[in-house]
Amino acid sequence: MDRKQLVEQIFTKKTFLCVGLDTDLNKVPHFLLKEEDPIYAFNKAIIDATAPYCVAYKPNLAFYECYGLKGMQAFVKTIDYLKKNYPNHFIVADAKRGDIGNTSKMYAQTFFEEYNVDSLTIAPYMGEDSVKPFLEYKGKWTILLALTSNKGSQDFQLFEDKNGLRLFERVLTKSQEWGNPNNLMYVVGATQGSLFADIRKLAPESFLLVPGVGAQGGSLQEVCKYGITKDCGLLVNSSRGILYASSEENYTEVAAQKAKALQEEMAIELAKL
């Protein structure tokens, strides 16, 4: 999916919600454990319930890899189901890959050819040769970690060099020599608040993938205040707040309600543009 198509979906559906498929068998409704493939059964039901209210889905690979072959089969089935039934939804593989060039090339082949997802999260710590193999795929997106929402983000990401440039700012400025706003996004945690203004000074047109709204305490309104652009420029992710809003028989209905509530808030923000 290219940038134009993504923007069209956002303004047509009046939402920039990304639903994170962090499927934990310890948290899904217990009756689903009787299913032959409970991960896929849960994902399918959540997707069907929330698809009208979002433009993207983000399966987190850790929640599939931890179950071995069965988990990865569920991941592949989930991707195939999305591509067949919801082809206009953007798919983010949240795998946080990134290694020396020849290894990154294989990771890129895995996710962009074998799994054929739209985008992949990448750790940029190893620099240009670890990122460029992902950027070589036309129509695919590389999503670099820039400023994350976890507590430990302060350990490195806010470190200032002798010129006062923080590490996340170095990531933003340097990486734009490798890619552009049509194939490069950044992960910026919703809990970072006003720092979105600093990010927009350096990456005014780039899309930002924003986790941390809901369960992690990030404010959608604050994210939009500092981070939204004329093209929206945001994919705001919610995982636990939607997936596990209910563990009862009505879990899909409650998930849909949570997604719809976020969509309605997002429609208000988009109407301001």
Foldseek 3Di string as FASTA:
>chain_A
DWLVLLLVVCVVLLAQEEEELLDACVQAQVVLVVDPQSSLVLLVLQCVLAVSQHQEYEYEVVSQPVVPPSSVVSVLVSLVCCCVPPVRHAYEYEDAAWDAQVVLLVVLCCCCPVSNHQEYEYECVVHDSRQQSNVVDPRHAYEYEQQALDPCSVVQQQDADPVRQGNSLVVLQVCCVRDAQGHYEYEHELNVFQCLQVSCVRRVRHAYEYEQPDPNDGDPVSCLVRHQDLSGSYRYYDYCVQSNVDSDPCSSVSSSVSSNVNSVVSSVSNVVD
